[in-house]
């Protein structure tokens, strides 16, 4: 084949519950730093490809597998993709920040306030 297993990037099934233009959230599944792309494990199922050029702010090297991200659904010749990718910052009630069951208001590193859904609970 000419490629090692590490060089072959095959996404899991794409999400079926989202369409182009929808907002989504998920967890960084894996990143290929040399080739400047990664995959997001989408809340609700599936994975989406994203490229560093489609990040809303920041750089790929600021992300790690397991980090929460939010994005907008886009499309390329391969199918659905994640665009406008950015870190999703969640507030934690135990440190005294204002959090509610429905929406969480958080401060990001650019000092802008964003509303995010609460982080999913394991289980």
N, C-alpha and C. Protein backbone atom coordinates (compact mmCIF):
# COMPACT_ATOMS: atom_id res chain seq x y z
N UNK A 1 0.83 -1.20 0.00
CA UNK A 1 0.00 0.00 0.00
C UNK A 1 0.87 1.25 0.00
N UNK A 2 2.00 1.21 0.67
CA UNK A 2 2.89 2.36 0.67
C UNK A 2 2.65 3.34 1.79
N UNK A 3 1.67 3.11 2.65
CA UNK A 3 1.41 4.01 3.77
C UNK A 3 1.35 3.19 5.04
N UNK A 4 1.87 3.78 6.11
CA UNK A 4 1.75 3.10 7.39
C UNK A 4 0.33 3.30 7.91
N UNK A 5 -0.04 2.49 8.89
CA UNK A 5 -1.38 2.60 9.47
C UNK A 5 -1.62 4.00 10.02
N UNK A 6 -0.58 4.63 10.61
CA UNK A 6 -0.72 5.97 11.18
C UNK A 6 -1.00 7.03 10.13
N UNK A 7 -0.61 6.79 8.89
CA UNK A 7 -0.80 7.79 7.83
C UNK A 7 -2.19 7.71 7.21
N UNK A 8 -2.89 6.62 7.42
CA UNK A 8 -4.21 6.45 6.82
C UNK A 8 -5.25 7.02 7.78
N UNK A 9 -5.98 8.00 7.31
CA UNK A 9 -7.00 8.65 8.14
C UNK A 9 -8.37 8.33 7.57
N UNK A 10 -9.12 7.52 8.26
CA UNK A 10 -10.46 7.15 7.82
C UNK A 10 -11.45 7.63 8.87
N UNK A 11 -12.35 8.55 8.49
CA UNK A 11 -13.32 9.02 9.48
C UNK A 11 -14.36 7.94 9.77
N UNK A 12 -14.92 8.01 10.96
CA UNK A 12 -16.06 7.15 11.29
C UNK A 12 -17.24 7.66 10.48
N UNK A 13 -18.36 7.02 10.62
CA UNK A 13 -19.57 7.44 9.90
C UNK A 13 -19.89 8.91 10.19
N UNK A 14 -20.36 9.60 9.17
CA UNK A 14 -20.72 11.00 9.35
C UNK A 14 -22.03 11.10 10.12
N UNK A 15 -22.23 12.22 10.83
CA UNK A 15 -23.48 12.39 11.56
C UNK A 15 -24.66 12.49 10.60
N UNK A 16 -25.77 11.89 10.97
CA UNK A 16 -26.96 11.93 10.13
C UNK A 16 -27.99 12.92 10.66
N UNK A 17 -27.77 13.45 11.86
CA UNK A 17 -28.74 14.34 12.49
C UNK A 17 -28.45 15.82 12.23
N UNK A 18 -27.41 16.13 11.46
CA UNK A 18 -27.03 17.52 11.17
C UNK A 18 -27.01 17.76 9.67
N UNK A 19 -27.25 19.03 9.29
CA UNK A 19 -27.18 19.40 7.88
C UNK A 19 -26.34 20.66 7.74
N UNK A 20 -25.96 20.99 6.51
CA UNK A 20 -25.11 22.16 6.24
C UNK A 20 -25.74 23.40 6.87
N UNK A 21 -24.92 24.15 7.59
CA UNK A 21 -25.36 25.37 8.24
C UNK A 21 -25.73 25.20 9.70
N UNK A 22 -25.97 23.96 10.14
CA UNK A 22 -26.30 23.71 11.54
C UNK A 22 -25.09 23.97 12.43
N UNK A 23 -25.35 24.36 13.67
CA UNK A 23 -24.31 24.47 14.68
C UNK A 23 -24.18 23.12 15.37
N UNK A 24 -22.97 22.75 15.71
CA UNK A 24 -22.74 21.48 16.38
C UNK A 24 -21.68 21.61 17.45
N UNK A 25 -21.55 20.57 18.24
CA UNK A 25 -20.53 20.50 19.28
C UNK A 25 -20.05 19.06 19.37
N UNK A 26 -18.86 18.90 19.89
CA UNK A 26 -18.30 17.57 20.04
C UNK A 26 -16.95 17.61 20.70
N UNK A 27 -16.23 16.52 20.54
CA UNK A 27 -14.93 16.34 21.17
C UNK A 27 -13.89 16.05 20.10
N UNK A 28 -12.73 16.67 20.22
CA UNK A 28 -11.65 16.39 19.27
C UNK A 28 -11.29 14.91 19.41
N UNK A 29 -11.42 14.16 18.32
CA UNK A 29 -11.13 12.72 18.35
C UNK A 29 -9.64 12.46 18.11
N UNK A 30 -9.10 13.07 17.07
CA UNK A 30 -7.68 12.91 16.74
C UNK A 30 -7.25 14.03 15.83
N UNK A 31 -5.94 14.28 15.82
CA UNK A 31 -5.37 15.37 15.03
C UNK A 31 -4.13 14.87 14.31
N UNK A 32 -4.00 15.23 13.04
CA UNK A 32 -2.79 14.97 12.27
C UNK A 32 -2.09 16.31 12.13
N UNK A 33 -1.17 16.61 13.06
CA UNK A 33 -0.51 17.92 13.08
C UNK A 33 0.31 18.19 11.82
N UNK A 34 1.10 17.23 11.31
CA UNK A 34 1.88 17.53 10.10
C UNK A 34 1.01 17.90 8.90
N UNK A 35 -0.17 17.28 8.79
CA UNK A 35 -1.03 17.55 7.63
C UNK A 35 -2.12 18.57 7.94
N UNK A 36 -2.14 19.07 9.17
CA UNK A 36 -3.00 20.19 9.59
C UNK A 36 -4.50 19.91 9.49
N UNK A 37 -4.91 18.72 9.92
CA UNK A 37 -6.33 18.42 9.97
C UNK A 37 -6.63 17.52 11.16
N UNK A 38 -7.91 17.37 11.42
CA UNK A 38 -8.33 16.50 12.51
C UNK A 38 -9.76 16.03 12.31
N UNK A 39 -10.25 15.30 13.30
CA UNK A 39 -11.62 14.81 13.29
C UNK A 39 -12.28 15.13 14.62
N UNK A 40 -13.56 15.50 14.55
CA UNK A 40 -14.35 15.80 15.74
C UNK A 40 -15.39 14.70 15.90
N UNK A 41 -15.45 14.11 17.10
CA UNK A 41 -16.50 13.14 17.45
C UNK A 41 -17.72 13.96 17.86
N UNK A 42 -18.74 13.95 17.04
CA UNK A 42 -19.90 14.83 17.19
C UNK A 42 -20.85 14.31 18.27
N UNK A 43 -21.33 15.23 19.12
CA UNK A 43 -22.37 14.86 20.08
C UNK A 43 -23.56 14.33 19.31
N UNK A 44 -24.07 13.20 19.67
CA UNK A 44 -25.20 12.60 18.96
C UNK A 44 -24.77 11.57 17.94
N UNK A 45 -23.46 11.42 17.72
CA UNK A 45 -22.96 10.38 16.83
C UNK A 45 -22.29 10.88 15.58
N UNK A 46 -21.31 10.13 15.13
CA UNK A 46 -20.58 10.43 13.90
C UNK A 46 -19.32 11.25 14.15
N UNK A 47 -18.53 11.39 13.09
CA UNK A 47 -17.31 12.19 13.12
C UNK A 47 -17.28 13.10 11.92
N UNK A 48 -16.64 14.26 12.11
CA UNK A 48 -16.46 15.22 11.02
C UNK A 48 -15.00 15.58 10.86
N UNK A 49 -14.56 15.67 9.62
CA UNK A 49 -13.24 16.16 9.27
C UNK A 49 -13.21 17.67 9.44
N UNK A 50 -12.06 18.22 9.87
CA UNK A 50 -11.84 19.66 9.81
C UNK A 50 -10.39 19.93 9.47
N UNK A 51 -10.14 21.05 8.82
CA UNK A 51 -8.79 21.48 8.47
C UNK A 51 -8.48 22.75 9.23
N UNK A 52 -7.21 22.96 9.53
CA UNK A 52 -6.79 24.15 10.28
C UNK A 52 -7.29 25.44 9.62
N UNK A 53 -7.39 25.47 8.30
CA UNK A 53 -7.85 26.68 7.61
C UNK A 53 -9.32 26.98 7.90
N UNK A 54 -10.05 26.02 8.46
CA UNK A 54 -11.47 26.22 8.78
C UNK A 54 -11.70 26.51 10.26
N UNK A 55 -10.61 26.80 10.98
CA UNK A 55 -10.77 27.17 12.38
C UNK A 55 -11.17 28.63 12.48
N UNK A 56 -12.10 28.93 13.37
CA UNK A 56 -12.60 30.29 13.53
C UNK A 56 -11.53 31.19 14.12
N UNK A 57 -10.83 30.69 15.10
CA UNK A 57 -9.73 31.43 15.72
C UNK A 57 -8.76 30.41 16.29
N UNK A 58 -7.56 30.84 16.51
CA UNK A 58 -6.58 29.94 17.08
C UNK A 58 -5.92 29.07 16.02
N UNK A 59 -5.13 28.13 16.50
CA UNK A 59 -4.37 27.25 15.62
C UNK A 59 -4.53 25.81 16.07
N UNK A 60 -4.31 24.91 15.16
CA UNK A 60 -4.45 23.49 15.41
C UNK A 60 -3.62 23.03 16.61
N UNK A 61 -2.41 23.59 16.76
CA UNK A 61 -1.54 23.14 17.85
C UNK A 61 -2.10 23.49 19.24
N UNK A 62 -3.17 24.31 19.30
CA UNK A 62 -3.79 24.64 20.58
C UNK A 62 -4.82 23.59 21.01
N UNK A 63 -5.13 22.65 20.11
CA UNK A 63 -6.13 21.62 20.39
C UNK A 63 -5.47 20.31 20.80
N UNK A 64 -6.20 19.53 21.57
CA UNK A 64 -5.75 18.20 21.97
C UNK A 64 -6.92 17.23 21.87
N UNK A 65 -6.66 15.96 21.57
CA UNK A 65 -7.75 14.99 21.61
C UNK A 65 -8.43 15.04 22.98
N UNK A 66 -9.76 15.01 22.95
CA UNK A 66 -10.53 15.10 24.18
C UNK A 66 -11.06 16.49 24.46
N UNK A 67 -10.48 17.53 23.83
CA UNK A 67 -10.97 18.89 24.02
C UNK A 67 -12.37 19.03 23.43
N UNK A 68 -13.21 19.84 24.06
CA UNK A 68 -14.53 20.15 23.54
C UNK A 68 -14.40 21.23 22.48
N UNK A 69 -15.20 21.12 21.42
CA UNK A 69 -15.18 22.10 20.33
C UNK A 69 -16.60 22.38 19.88
N UNK A 70 -16.80 23.57 19.34
CA UNK A 70 -18.07 23.89 18.68
C UNK A 70 -17.74 24.27 17.25
N UNK A 71 -18.72 24.16 16.35
CA UNK A 71 -18.46 24.34 14.93
C UNK A 71 -19.76 24.54 14.18
N UNK A 72 -19.62 24.85 12.90
CA UNK A 72 -20.75 24.92 11.97
C UNK A 72 -20.55 23.83 10.93
N UNK A 73 -21.64 23.22 10.49
CA UNK A 73 -21.55 22.16 9.48
C UNK A 73 -21.33 22.77 8.10
N UNK A 74 -20.29 22.30 7.42
CA UNK A 74 -20.02 22.69 6.04
C UNK A 74 -20.01 21.43 5.17
N UNK A 75 -19.59 21.60 3.94
CA UNK A 75 -19.55 20.45 3.02
C UNK A 75 -18.41 20.63 2.04
N UNK A 76 -17.76 19.52 1.70
CA UNK A 76 -16.77 19.51 0.62
C UNK A 76 -17.06 18.31 -0.27
N UNK A 77 -16.14 17.98 -1.17
CA UNK A 77 -16.38 16.88 -2.11
C UNK A 77 -16.48 15.52 -1.42
N UNK A 78 -15.99 15.42 -0.19
CA UNK A 78 -16.04 14.16 0.55
C UNK A 78 -17.30 14.01 1.39
N UNK A 79 -18.02 15.11 1.61
CA UNK A 79 -19.22 15.05 2.46
C UNK A 79 -19.24 16.19 3.46
N UNK A 80 -19.89 15.97 4.59
CA UNK A 80 -20.00 17.00 5.62
C UNK A 80 -18.65 17.22 6.29
N UNK A 81 -18.39 18.47 6.68
CA UNK A 81 -17.17 18.85 7.38
C UNK A 81 -17.52 19.79 8.52
N UNK A 82 -16.56 20.03 9.40
CA UNK A 82 -16.71 21.02 10.45
C UNK A 82 -15.99 22.29 10.02
N UNK A 83 -16.69 23.43 10.10
CA UNK A 83 -16.11 24.73 9.77
C UNK A 83 -16.29 25.65 10.97
N UNK A 84 -15.58 26.77 10.96
CA UNK A 84 -15.64 27.73 12.08
C UNK A 84 -15.40 27.01 13.41
N UNK A 85 -14.45 26.09 13.40
CA UNK A 85 -14.14 25.29 14.59
C UNK A 85 -13.47 26.17 15.64
N UNK A 86 -13.95 26.06 16.88
CA UNK A 86 -13.30 26.76 17.99
C UNK A 86 -13.49 25.96 19.26
N UNK A 87 -12.63 26.24 20.22
CA UNK A 87 -12.73 25.58 21.51
C UNK A 87 -14.06 25.92 22.16
N UNK A 88 -14.66 24.97 22.85
CA UNK A 88 -15.87 25.20 23.64
C UNK A 88 -15.45 25.24 25.10
N UNK A 89 -15.64 26.37 25.71
CA UNK A 89 -15.25 26.55 27.11
C UNK A 89 -16.47 26.38 27.99
N UNK A 90 -16.39 25.49 28.93
CA UNK A 90 -17.50 25.23 29.84
C UNK A 90 -17.18 25.78 31.22
N UNK A 91 -18.17 26.33 31.88
CA UNK A 91 -18.03 26.81 33.24
C UNK A 91 -18.31 25.67 34.21
N UNK A 92 -17.70 25.74 35.34
CA UNK A 92 -17.92 24.72 36.35
C UNK A 92 -18.54 25.36 37.58
N UNK A 93 -19.73 24.91 37.98
CA UNK A 93 -20.39 25.52 39.14
C UNK A 93 -19.54 25.48 40.40
N UNK A 94 -18.73 24.45 40.59
CA UNK A 94 -17.97 24.33 41.82
C UNK A 94 -16.91 25.42 41.99
N UNK A 95 -16.59 26.17 40.94
CA UNK A 95 -15.64 27.26 41.10
C UNK A 95 -16.34 28.61 41.15
N UNK A 96 -17.66 28.58 41.35
CA UNK A 96 -18.41 29.80 41.60
C UNK A 96 -18.84 30.57 40.37
N UNK A 97 -18.80 29.96 39.19
CA UNK A 97 -19.24 30.66 37.99
C UNK A 97 -20.73 30.44 37.79
N UNK A 98 -21.36 31.38 37.09
CA UNK A 98 -22.80 31.34 36.89
C UNK A 98 -23.16 30.29 35.85
N UNK A 99 -23.74 29.20 36.27
CA UNK A 99 -24.14 28.14 35.35
C UNK A 99 -25.59 27.77 35.63
N UNK A 100 -26.29 27.36 34.59
CA UNK A 100 -27.67 26.90 34.76
C UNK A 100 -27.81 25.54 34.09
N UNK A 101 -28.93 24.90 34.32
CA UNK A 101 -29.14 23.59 33.71
C UNK A 101 -29.31 23.68 32.20
N UNK A 102 -29.90 24.75 31.71
CA UNK A 102 -30.21 24.87 30.29
C UNK A 102 -29.08 25.49 29.48
N UNK A 103 -28.53 26.58 29.94
CA UNK A 103 -27.48 27.29 29.20
C UNK A 103 -26.36 27.66 30.16
N UNK A 104 -25.16 27.72 29.65
CA UNK A 104 -24.01 28.08 30.46
C UNK A 104 -23.35 29.29 29.82
N UNK A 105 -23.16 30.35 30.58
CA UNK A 105 -22.49 31.54 30.06
C UNK A 105 -21.03 31.47 30.50
N UNK A 106 -20.13 31.53 29.55
CA UNK A 106 -18.72 31.34 29.83
C UNK A 106 -17.88 32.45 29.23
N UNK A 107 -16.72 32.63 29.79
CA UNK A 107 -15.73 33.55 29.23
C UNK A 107 -14.69 32.73 28.50
N UNK A 108 -14.36 33.14 27.28
CA UNK A 108 -13.31 32.47 26.52
C UNK A 108 -12.04 33.28 26.62
N UNK A 109 -10.98 32.78 26.02
CA UNK A 109 -9.70 33.47 26.11
C UNK A 109 -9.69 34.81 25.38
N UNK A 110 -10.69 35.10 24.56
CA UNK A 110 -10.75 36.40 23.90
C UNK A 110 -11.65 37.36 24.67
N UNK A 111 -12.04 37.00 25.89
CA UNK A 111 -12.82 37.82 26.82
C UNK A 111 -14.24 38.10 26.33
N UNK A 112 -14.71 37.38 25.33
CA UNK A 112 -16.10 37.52 24.89
C UNK A 112 -16.93 36.47 25.61
N UNK A 113 -18.14 36.84 25.95
CA UNK A 113 -19.03 35.91 26.63
C UNK A 113 -19.79 35.10 25.59
N UNK A 114 -19.87 33.81 25.78
CA UNK A 114 -20.57 32.92 24.87
C UNK A 114 -21.53 32.05 25.66
N UNK A 115 -22.66 31.73 25.08
CA UNK A 115 -23.56 30.78 25.71
C UNK A 115 -23.35 29.43 25.06
N UNK A 116 -23.17 28.43 25.88
CA UNK A 116 -22.95 27.07 25.41
C UNK A 116 -23.89 26.14 26.16
N UNK A 117 -24.31 25.06 25.53
CA UNK A 117 -25.06 24.07 26.29
C UNK A 117 -24.16 23.45 27.34
N UNK A 118 -24.72 22.97 28.44
CA UNK A 118 -23.88 22.34 29.46
C UNK A 118 -23.12 21.15 28.87
N UNK A 119 -21.96 20.88 29.41
CA UNK A 119 -21.16 19.74 28.97
C UNK A 119 -21.94 18.47 29.22
N UNK A 120 -21.88 17.51 28.30
CA UNK A 120 -22.60 16.26 28.51
C UNK A 120 -22.07 15.52 29.72
N UNK A 121 -22.94 14.83 30.40
CA UNK A 121 -22.53 14.04 31.55
C UNK A 121 -22.24 12.62 31.09
N UNK A 122 -21.16 12.03 31.61
CA UNK A 122 -20.83 10.67 31.20
C UNK A 122 -21.95 9.71 31.60
N UNK A 123 -22.12 8.71 30.78
CA UNK A 123 -23.08 7.74 31.21
C UNK A 123 -23.87 7.18 30.15
